[in-house]
């Protein structure tokens, strides 16, 4: 485990966790990298709500999936239209 900072949410949007929202505000965190198990639900809702508050969002495309994998290209386009950066994991780890 890298950190003791673990937050629980009960709705799709990560910002519905009051503890998480307070943590990012207190620590002035403004950049987020999103991965997740359902690109059409939790990842979509969190992306939308973070961008609505003008946070910088990067979606790691090979770190998301969905029950309907055919919807992934549509969701990636949605994230981009909301102003998110779209990358693959190797884009983050490669030395330039």
Protein backbone atom coordinates (compact mmCIF):
# COMPACT_ATOMS: atom_id res chain seq x y z
CA UNK A 1 0.00 0.00 0.00
CA UNK A 2 1.38 3.37 -1.04
CA UNK A 3 -0.78 5.50 1.23
CA UNK A 4 -3.16 5.37 4.18
CA UNK A 5 -5.53 7.66 2.25
CA UNK A 6 -8.39 5.34 1.33
CA UNK A 7 -11.86 6.73 0.60
CA UNK A 8 -15.19 4.95 0.24
CA UNK A 9 -17.93 6.14 -2.07
CA UNK A 10 -21.46 4.83 -2.40
CA UNK A 11 -22.41 6.58 -5.64
CA UNK A 12 -20.75 6.75 -9.04
CA UNK A 13 -19.13 10.16 -8.67
CA UNK A 14 -15.99 10.01 -6.50
CA UNK A 15 -16.72 13.53 -5.24
CA UNK A 16 -19.79 12.20 -3.40
CA UNK A 17 -17.32 10.91 -0.80
CA UNK A 18 -17.22 13.86 1.59
CA UNK A 19 -13.90 12.68 3.01
CA UNK A 20 -12.36 12.52 -0.48
CA UNK A 21 -13.73 15.94 -1.46
CA UNK A 22 -12.36 17.44 1.78
CA UNK A 23 -8.98 15.75 1.26
CA UNK A 24 -8.48 17.12 -2.25
CA UNK A 25 -9.55 20.59 -1.16
CA UNK A 26 -7.30 20.58 1.93
CA UNK A 27 -4.31 19.33 -0.08
CA UNK A 28 -5.03 21.56 -3.09
CA UNK A 29 -5.05 18.63 -5.50
CA UNK A 30 -6.08 19.75 -8.97
CA UNK A 31 -4.89 16.97 -11.32
CA UNK A 32 -6.56 13.57 -11.57
CA UNK A 33 -5.78 10.37 -13.45
CA UNK A 34 -8.87 8.21 -13.92
CA UNK A 35 -9.09 4.46 -14.26
CA UNK A 36 -12.00 2.22 -13.38
CA UNK A 37 -14.18 -0.79 -13.89
CA UNK A 38 -17.12 0.88 -15.62
CA UNK A 39 -16.40 3.55 -18.18
CA UNK A 40 -20.13 4.22 -18.65
CA UNK A 41 -20.94 4.78 -14.98
CA UNK A 42 -18.41 5.64 -12.25
CA UNK A 43 -15.63 6.83 -14.54
CA UNK A 44 -18.07 8.88 -16.62
CA UNK A 45 -19.71 10.48 -13.58
CA UNK A 46 -16.41 11.26 -11.89
CA UNK A 47 -14.96 12.71 -15.10
CA UNK A 48 -18.03 14.88 -15.66
CA UNK A 49 -18.09 16.22 -12.11
CA UNK A 50 -14.35 16.86 -11.88
CA UNK A 51 -14.36 18.71 -15.20
CA UNK A 52 -17.45 20.69 -14.17
CA UNK A 53 -15.37 22.00 -11.26
CA UNK A 54 -12.49 22.72 -13.68
CA UNK A 55 -10.09 20.07 -12.37
CA UNK A 56 -7.49 18.73 -14.78
CA UNK A 57 -8.50 15.17 -15.72
CA UNK A 58 -6.50 12.54 -17.58
CA UNK A 59 -8.25 9.30 -18.53
CA UNK A 60 -5.95 6.30 -18.89
CA UNK A 61 -7.68 4.40 -21.68
CA UNK A 62 -6.09 1.03 -21.02
CA UNK A 63 -7.06 1.42 -17.37
CA UNK A 64 -10.81 1.49 -18.01
CA UNK A 65 -13.28 -1.17 -19.02
CA UNK A 66 -17.03 -1.64 -19.22
CA UNK A 67 -19.63 -4.37 -19.15
CA UNK A 68 -20.19 -3.42 -22.82
CA UNK A 69 -16.73 -3.04 -24.32
CA UNK A 70 -18.24 -1.79 -27.60
CA UNK A 71 -19.06 1.47 -25.77
CA UNK A 72 -15.44 2.22 -24.88
CA UNK A 73 -14.65 4.28 -28.03
CA UNK A 74 -17.82 6.33 -27.45
CA UNK A 75 -16.87 6.92 -23.83
CA UNK A 76 -13.32 7.95 -24.70
CA UNK A 77 -14.78 10.48 -27.14
CA UNK A 78 -17.11 11.71 -24.36
CA UNK A 79 -14.20 12.22 -21.95
CA UNK A 80 -12.28 14.16 -24.59
CA UNK A 81 -15.29 16.39 -25.33
CA UNK A 82 -15.49 17.19 -21.62
CA UNK A 83 -11.90 18.45 -21.80
CA UNK A 84 -10.07 15.44 -20.40
CA UNK A 85 -6.65 14.38 -21.63
CA UNK A 86 -6.69 10.91 -23.18
CA UNK A 87 -3.61 8.73 -22.73
CA UNK A 88 -2.49 5.14 -22.47
CA UNK A 89 -0.49 3.99 -19.48
CA UNK A 90 2.73 3.73 -21.51
CA UNK A 91 2.36 7.41 -22.45
CA UNK A 92 2.79 8.20 -18.75
CA UNK A 93 5.72 5.90 -18.14
CA UNK A 94 7.86 6.33 -21.24
CA UNK A 95 10.94 8.50 -20.98
CA UNK A 96 11.15 11.14 -23.66
